[in-house]
Amino acid sequence: MGQPLISVIVPVYQAEKFLDECVGSIVHQTYQNLEIILVNDGCRDGSPAICDAWAGKDRRITVIHKENGGASTARNAGLDAAKGDYIGFVDSDDYIAPDMYERLITFAEKEKSSLACCRFTREAAGAGALGTGSGDTWNYSTEQAVNEFLLHGKVTDSFCDKLFARELFEARRFPEHQTNEEYTLFLPLLAQAEKVGVMDFRGYFYRGNESSVTNTTWKTDADIVLRNLSIMENQLEALGLEHNREAFGEFSAMASFSVALQLDKCYARISPRAKENLKKYIGIMRKNLLRVLCSGHVSLKDKILYGMIVARILRPVYRALGKA
């Protein structure tokens, strides 16, 4: 039996500055049985020509040219074309460690995991962090994996530091024409994965380019957070994840806290709509107050700030200090 084929999908948008490094890091993987799908999402720079040049040099590369539609349409175009046994995603302004896919597929095949994850490092940490880690591994059931995701543990919400078994996407695609729509797909994928493996290895380098096709702001945008939390809460019941409600309560509270903290600091300068959103966030925080105060995942500093927001005393303190 031959090696499993990995389809690596790269949505490309305005990435000419980084694209050669990105594609090169995939082409030169130690695991060579790859299908590399570059999806030109209506780029207006030199990216399409770079994609075509790479396709001319490596027969494993396919280029799809399409009108601009956003990250999800690009990823879906790649999924529709993919023939691999496993699916991976790389953003066009990032790059990966030389042995990332070899490590992930070896782990997935050994443990029979339908989802294998490594870790990523951000640009601020420097490229030197790429490829580091203890190499320790963990295997999770569906319920455990969802808890890890919701409590910001070893399972991150990135699609790019992972290897997905093809069957996870057989009946699923990224929701299109929404903002940061990928987050509403991640919970269903976790629920579908019977076994999730995590490896302590920094295989993915996230550059954080502002023009990236998948640049995300959902955890700081007041409207988007409320929408996504509502969708995820409805998904818990629909996906049979009732056992994860406790974890979701803390997740939604801390997501609300992140946005409310920023809104409360500059209350006098925010819009009436943002002020209405702030009330909703404080309602979510108040509902989960005891859960957060008793949590071992939240720092003492954040617990104090959290309590001050719920008690409506943070704003007066900031005014008194001249910071509001």
Protein backbone atom coordinates (compact mmCIF):
# COMPACT_ATOMS: atom_id res chain seq x y z
CA MET A 1 0.00 0.00 0.00
CA GLY A 2 1.40 3.39 -1.04
CA GLN A 3 1.80 6.52 1.01
CA PRO A 4 -1.40 8.51 1.66
CA LEU A 5 -1.82 11.57 -0.54
CA ILE A 6 -2.05 14.96 1.21
CA SER A 7 -3.86 17.79 -0.57
CA VAL A 8 -2.45 21.13 0.58
CA ILE A 9 -4.80 24.01 -0.21
CA VAL A 10 -3.33 27.52 -0.38
CA PRO A 11 -5.79 30.43 -0.81
CA VAL A 12 -3.78 33.23 -2.44
CA TYR A 13 -4.58 36.92 -2.22
CA GLN A 14 -2.18 39.88 -2.62
CA ALA A 15 0.73 37.80 -1.38
CA GLU A 16 3.48 38.35 -3.97
CA LYS A 17 5.93 39.47 -1.28
CA PHE A 18 5.68 36.16 0.61
CA LEU A 19 4.34 33.64 -1.90
CA ASP A 20 7.64 32.14 -3.09
CA GLU A 21 8.69 31.42 0.49
CA CYS A 22 5.29 29.92 1.27
CA VAL A 23 5.11 27.60 -1.74
CA GLY A 24 8.78 26.70 -1.42
CA SER A 25 8.23 25.52 2.14
CA ILE A 26 5.50 23.16 0.91
CA VAL A 27 7.34 21.92 -2.18
CA HIS A 28 10.42 21.03 -0.14
CA GLN A 29 8.61 19.05 2.55
CA THR A 30 10.31 15.84 3.65
CA TYR A 31 6.97 14.13 2.92
CA GLN A 32 6.70 14.33 -0.87
CA ASN A 33 3.38 12.67 -1.72
CA LEU A 34 1.57 15.98 -1.93
CA GLU A 35 -1.02 17.58 -4.15
CA ILE A 36 -0.54 21.35 -3.87
CA ILE A 37 -3.54 23.45 -4.89
CA LEU A 38 -2.90 27.19 -5.25
CA VAL A 39 -6.16 29.14 -5.47
CA ASN A 40 -5.73 32.63 -6.91
CA ASP A 41 -8.62 34.51 -5.28
CA GLY A 42 -8.74 37.39 -7.76
CA CYS A 43 -5.30 38.80 -6.93
CA ARG A 44 -4.43 42.19 -8.42
CA ASP A 45 -0.68 41.92 -7.81
CA GLY A 46 1.93 39.55 -9.20
CA SER A 47 0.68 36.51 -7.29
CA PRO A 48 -1.09 34.79 -10.26
CA ALA A 49 2.12 34.80 -12.32
CA ILE A 50 4.07 33.40 -9.37
CA CYS A 51 1.51 30.60 -8.97
CA ASP A 52 1.74 29.69 -12.66
CA ALA A 53 5.54 29.75 -12.54
CA TRP A 54 5.55 27.27 -9.65
CA ALA A 55 3.10 25.01 -11.51
CA GLY A 56 5.52 24.99 -14.43
CA LYS A 57 8.31 23.78 -12.16
CA ASP A 58 6.48 21.11 -10.11
CA ARG A 59 3.91 18.70 -11.53
CA ARG A 60 2.30 18.31 -8.08
CA ILE A 61 1.04 21.89 -8.24
CA THR A 62 -2.36 22.84 -9.62
CA VAL A 63 -3.44 26.46 -9.97
CA ILE A 64 -7.07 27.58 -9.81
CA HIS A 65 -7.79 31.14 -10.98
CA LYS A 66 -11.09 32.59 -9.76
CA GLU A 67 -12.78 35.89 -9.09
CA ASN A 68 -12.27 37.38 -5.64
CA GLY A 69 -14.71 35.89 -3.15
CA GLY A 70 -12.83 35.66 0.12
CA ALA A 71 -11.00 32.98 2.06
CA SER A 72 -13.88 30.54 2.27
CA THR A 73 -14.63 30.53 -1.46
CA ALA A 74 -10.94 29.95 -2.16
CA ARG A 75 -10.69 27.09 0.33
CA ASN A 76 -13.91 25.56 -1.00
CA ALA A 77 -12.59 25.70 -4.57
CA GLY A 78 -9.53 23.83 -3.35
CA LEU A 79 -11.64 21.27 -1.49
CA ASP A 80 -13.74 20.64 -4.60
CA ALA A 81 -10.59 19.88 -6.57
CA ALA A 82 -8.72 17.92 -3.88
CA LYS A 83 -8.04 14.22 -4.37
CA GLY A 84 -6.01 13.55 -1.23
CA ASP A 85 -6.63 11.17 1.63
CA TYR A 86 -5.82 14.06 3.96
CA ILE A 87 -6.36 17.81 3.69
CA GLY A 88 -4.08 20.60 4.88
CA PHE A 89 -4.32 24.39 4.63
CA VAL A 90 -1.54 26.96 4.39
CA ASP A 91 -2.09 30.72 4.08
CA SER A 92 -0.15 32.32 1.25
CA ASP A 93 1.84 34.70 3.44
CA ASP A 94 2.93 32.04 5.95
CA TYR A 95 5.27 29.06 5.73
CA ILE A 96 5.81 25.68 7.38
CA ALA A 97 8.61 23.63 8.91
CA PRO A 98 10.27 21.19 6.46
CA ASP A 99 8.95 18.11 8.26
CA MET A 100 5.53 19.37 9.39
CA TYR A 101 3.45 17.13 7.16
CA GLU A 102 5.70 14.09 7.68
CA ARG A 103 5.26 14.44 11.43
CA LEU A 104 1.51 15.01 11.21
CA ILE A 105 0.71 12.17 8.83
CA THR A 106 2.94 9.71 10.70
CA PHE A 107 1.13 10.65 13.90
CA ALA A 108 -2.32 10.47 12.31
CA GLU A 109 -1.71 7.08 10.71
CA LYS A 110 -0.19 5.58 13.86
CA GLU A 111 -2.96 6.78 16.18
CA LYS A 112 -5.82 6.45 13.66
CA SER A 113 -6.70 10.10 14.26
CA SER A 114 -9.02 11.84 11.81
CA LEU A 115 -7.56 15.18 12.92
CA ALA A 116 -3.89 15.69 13.78
CA CYS A 117 -2.64 19.01 15.14
CA CYS A 118 0.72 20.60 15.79
CA ARG A 119 1.42 24.11 17.11
CA PHE A 120 2.12 27.41 15.38
CA THR A 121 4.40 30.29 16.15
CA ARG A 122 3.65 33.92 15.40
CA GLU A 123 5.90 36.39 13.65
CA ALA A 124 6.59 38.21 16.92
CA ALA A 125 8.23 35.07 18.30
CA GLY A 126 10.62 34.90 15.37
CA ALA A 127 11.31 32.21 12.81
CA GLY A 128 13.76 30.57 15.20
CA ALA A 129 10.84 29.10 17.11
CA LEU A 130 9.76 27.11 14.05
CA GLY A 131 10.45 23.40 14.40
CA THR A 132 10.83 23.51 18.18
CA GLY A 133 8.81 21.66 20.80
CA SER A 134 9.06 18.67 23.08
CA GLY A 135 7.50 16.27 20.60
CA ASP A 136 5.04 15.10 23.28
CA THR A 137 1.68 13.90 21.97
CA TRP A 138 -1.85 13.74 23.34
CA ASN A 139 -4.94 11.92 22.07
CA TYR A 140 -8.42 13.22 22.77
CA SER A 141 -11.95 11.96 22.42
CA THR A 142 -14.50 14.29 20.81
CA GLU A 143 -15.66 15.69 24.16
CA GLN A 144 -12.09 16.23 25.36
CA ALA A 145 -11.03 17.88 22.09
CA VAL A 146 -13.98 20.30 22.15
CA ASN A 147 -13.14 21.25 25.74
CA GLU A 148 -9.51 21.85 24.76
CA PHE A 149 -10.66 24.10 21.92
CA LEU A 150 -13.16 26.06 24.00
CA LEU A 151 -10.77 26.58 26.89
CA HIS A 152 -7.90 27.66 24.60
CA GLY A 153 -5.81 24.63 25.41
CA LYS A 154 -3.84 22.38 23.12
CA VAL A 155 -6.41 22.42 20.28
CA THR A 156 -6.32 25.84 18.61
CA ASP A 157 -8.91 27.34 16.29
CA SER A 158 -6.43 27.61 13.40
CA PHE A 159 -7.06 25.46 10.32
CA CYS A 160 -3.44 25.73 9.22
CA ASP A 161 -1.61 23.79 11.94
CA LYS A 162 -3.67 20.68 11.27
CA LEU A 163 -4.11 17.68 9.02
CA PHE A 164 -7.72 16.64 8.39
CA ALA A 165 -8.88 13.23 7.20
CA ARG A 166 -10.70 13.73 3.90
CA GLU A 167 -14.00 12.35 5.22
CA LEU A 168 -14.36 15.29 7.61
CA PHE A 169 -15.02 17.51 4.57
CA GLU A 170 -17.11 15.06 2.54
CA ALA A 171 -20.36 16.79 3.54
CA ARG A 172 -18.95 20.11 4.79
CA ARG A 173 -17.65 23.29 3.25
CA PHE A 174 -16.65 26.68 4.64
CA PRO A 175 -19.65 29.03 4.97
CA GLU A 176 -19.24 31.76 2.37
CA HIS A 177 -19.79 35.52 2.27
CA GLN A 178 -19.59 36.08 6.00
CA THR A 179 -16.82 37.64 8.08
CA ASN A 180 -14.49 35.17 9.80
CA GLU A 181 -16.88 32.41 8.82
CA GLU A 182 -14.34 29.63 9.39
CA TYR A 183 -14.97 29.68 13.14
CA THR A 184 -18.53 28.49 12.68
CA LEU A 185 -17.19 25.39 10.87
CA PHE A 186 -14.52 24.37 13.35
CA LEU A 187 -16.83 23.09 16.11
CA PRO A 188 -18.75 20.77 13.73
CA LEU A 189 -15.45 19.38 12.42
CA LEU A 190 -14.26 18.65 15.97
CA ALA A 191 -17.57 17.00 16.80
CA GLN A 192 -17.23 14.79 13.73
CA ALA A 193 -13.66 13.74 14.51
CA GLU A 194 -13.83 10.62 16.69
CA LYS A 195 -10.19 10.97 17.69
CA VAL A 196 -8.02 14.10 17.75
CA GLY A 197 -4.25 13.97 18.15
CA VAL A 198 -2.08 16.88 19.25
CA MET A 199 1.70 17.13 18.94
CA ASP A 200 3.93 19.60 20.77
CA PHE A 201 5.82 20.72 17.68
CA ARG A 202 5.86 24.22 16.17
CA GLY A 203 5.29 23.35 12.54
CA TYR A 204 3.52 26.45 11.25
CA PHE A 205 4.80 30.03 11.01
CA TYR A 206 1.99 32.60 11.06
CA ARG A 207 3.09 35.93 9.65
CA GLY A 208 -0.12 37.88 10.35
CA ASN A 209 -0.16 39.94 7.13
CA GLU A 210 -3.04 42.46 7.30
CA SER A 211 -3.96 41.86 3.63
CA SER A 212 -4.03 38.10 4.04
CA VAL A 213 -7.01 36.26 2.57
CA THR A 214 -7.67 34.72 5.98
CA ASN A 215 -6.72 37.59 8.29
CA THR A 216 -9.08 37.41 11.26
CA THR A 217 -10.47 39.97 13.70
CA TRP A 218 -13.45 38.07 15.07
CA LYS A 219 -12.30 38.06 18.67
CA THR A 220 -12.13 41.86 18.76
CA ASP A 221 -15.03 42.90 16.51
CA ALA A 222 -18.07 43.60 18.68
CA ASP A 223 -20.70 42.50 16.16
CA ILE A 224 -18.86 39.43 14.91
CA VAL A 225 -18.19 38.00 18.35
CA LEU A 226 -21.87 38.14 19.33
CA ARG A 227 -22.90 36.48 16.09
CA ASN A 228 -20.33 33.70 16.31
CA LEU A 229 -21.05 32.96 19.97
CA SER A 230 -24.75 32.63 19.16
CA ILE A 231 -24.02 30.26 16.28
CA MET A 232 -21.67 28.15 18.39
CA GLU A 233 -24.16 27.92 21.26
CA ASN A 234 -26.81 26.62 18.86
CA GLN A 235 -24.31 24.14 17.45
CA LEU A 236 -23.70 22.57 20.87
CA GLU A 237 -27.23 21.19 20.97
CA ALA A 238 -27.41 20.36 17.27
CA LEU A 239 -24.14 18.42 17.42
CA GLY A 240 -24.94 16.57 20.64
CA LEU A 241 -22.26 18.38 22.63
CA GLU A 242 -24.29 18.99 25.78
CA HIS A 243 -21.39 17.76 27.94
CA ASN A 244 -19.33 20.72 26.71
CA ARG A 245 -21.72 23.43 27.91
CA GLU A 246 -19.64 24.19 31.00
CA ALA A 247 -16.57 24.81 28.85
CA PHE A 248 -18.58 26.88 26.39
CA GLY A 249 -19.86 29.05 29.24
CA GLU A 250 -16.30 29.99 30.16
CA PHE A 251 -15.32 30.39 26.50
CA SER A 252 -18.20 32.76 25.76
CA ALA A 253 -17.56 34.70 28.97
CA MET A 254 -13.88 35.23 28.20
CA ALA A 255 -14.58 36.14 24.57
CA SER A 256 -17.11 38.67 25.85
CA PHE A 257 -14.58 39.91 28.41
CA SER A 258 -11.95 40.54 25.71
CA VAL A 259 -14.28 42.80 23.76
CA ALA A 260 -15.99 44.40 26.77
CA LEU A 261 -12.64 45.39 28.24
CA GLN A 262 -11.79 47.42 25.15
CA LEU A 263 -15.26 48.96 24.86
CA ASP A 264 -15.39 49.90 28.54
CA LYS A 265 -11.99 51.61 28.41
CA CYS A 266 -13.11 54.02 25.67
CA TYR A 267 -16.85 54.16 26.41
CA ALA A 268 -17.21 57.90 25.75
CA ARG A 269 -15.87 57.48 22.21
CA ILE A 270 -17.76 54.39 21.02
CA SER A 271 -20.95 54.36 18.95
CA PRO A 272 -24.47 53.84 20.34
CA ARG A 273 -24.49 50.40 18.68
CA ALA A 274 -21.27 49.46 20.45
CA LYS A 275 -22.76 50.60 23.75
CA GLU A 276 -25.73 48.30 23.18
CA ASN A 277 -23.34 45.46 22.39
CA LEU A 278 -21.44 46.18 25.59
CA LYS A 279 -24.63 45.61 27.58
CA LYS A 280 -25.03 42.22 25.91
CA TYR A 281 -21.44 41.26 26.66
CA ILE A 282 -21.80 42.25 30.30
CA GLY A 283 -24.95 40.12 30.44
CA ILE A 284 -22.99 37.10 29.19
CA MET A 285 -20.20 37.85 31.67
CA ARG A 286 -22.61 38.20 34.60
CA LYS A 287 -24.28 34.90 33.72
CA ASN A 288 -20.91 33.14 33.88
CA LEU A 289 -19.35 35.15 36.73
CA LEU A 290 -18.98 32.30 39.22
CA ARG A 291 -17.70 29.94 36.55
CA VAL A 292 -14.92 32.37 35.59
CA LEU A 293 -13.96 33.25 39.17
CA CYS A 294 -13.55 29.55 39.96
CA SER A 295 -11.69 28.76 36.76
CA GLY A 296 -8.11 27.58 36.76
CA HIS A 297 -7.68 28.86 33.18
CA VAL A 298 -8.09 32.56 34.01
CA SER A 299 -5.38 34.71 35.60
CA LEU A 300 -5.99 36.63 38.82
CA LYS A 301 -5.52 39.92 36.99
CA ASP A 302 -8.21 39.03 34.45
CA LYS A 303 -10.55 37.83 37.19
CA ILE A 304 -10.22 41.23 38.91
CA LEU A 305 -10.82 43.17 35.68
CA TYR A 306 -13.69 40.82 34.82
CA GLY A 307 -15.35 41.49 38.18
CA MET A 308 -14.85 45.25 37.82
CA ILE A 309 -16.61 45.26 34.45
CA VAL A 310 -19.55 43.23 35.76
CA ALA A 311 -19.81 45.53 38.81
CA ARG A 312 -19.65 48.56 36.45
CA ILE A 313 -16.73 50.10 38.36
CA LEU A 314 -13.95 49.75 35.78
CA ARG A 315 -15.11 52.80 33.80
CA PRO A 316 -15.13 55.18 36.79
CA VAL A 317 -11.66 53.96 37.76
CA TYR A 318 -10.36 54.66 34.27
CA ARG A 319 -11.98 58.11 34.28
CA ALA A 320 -10.37 58.91 37.63
CA LEU A 321 -7.00 57.88 36.22
CA GLY A 322 -7.55 59.95 33.10
CA LYS A 323 -7.41 56.89 30.81
CA ALA A 324 -11.01 56.78 29.63
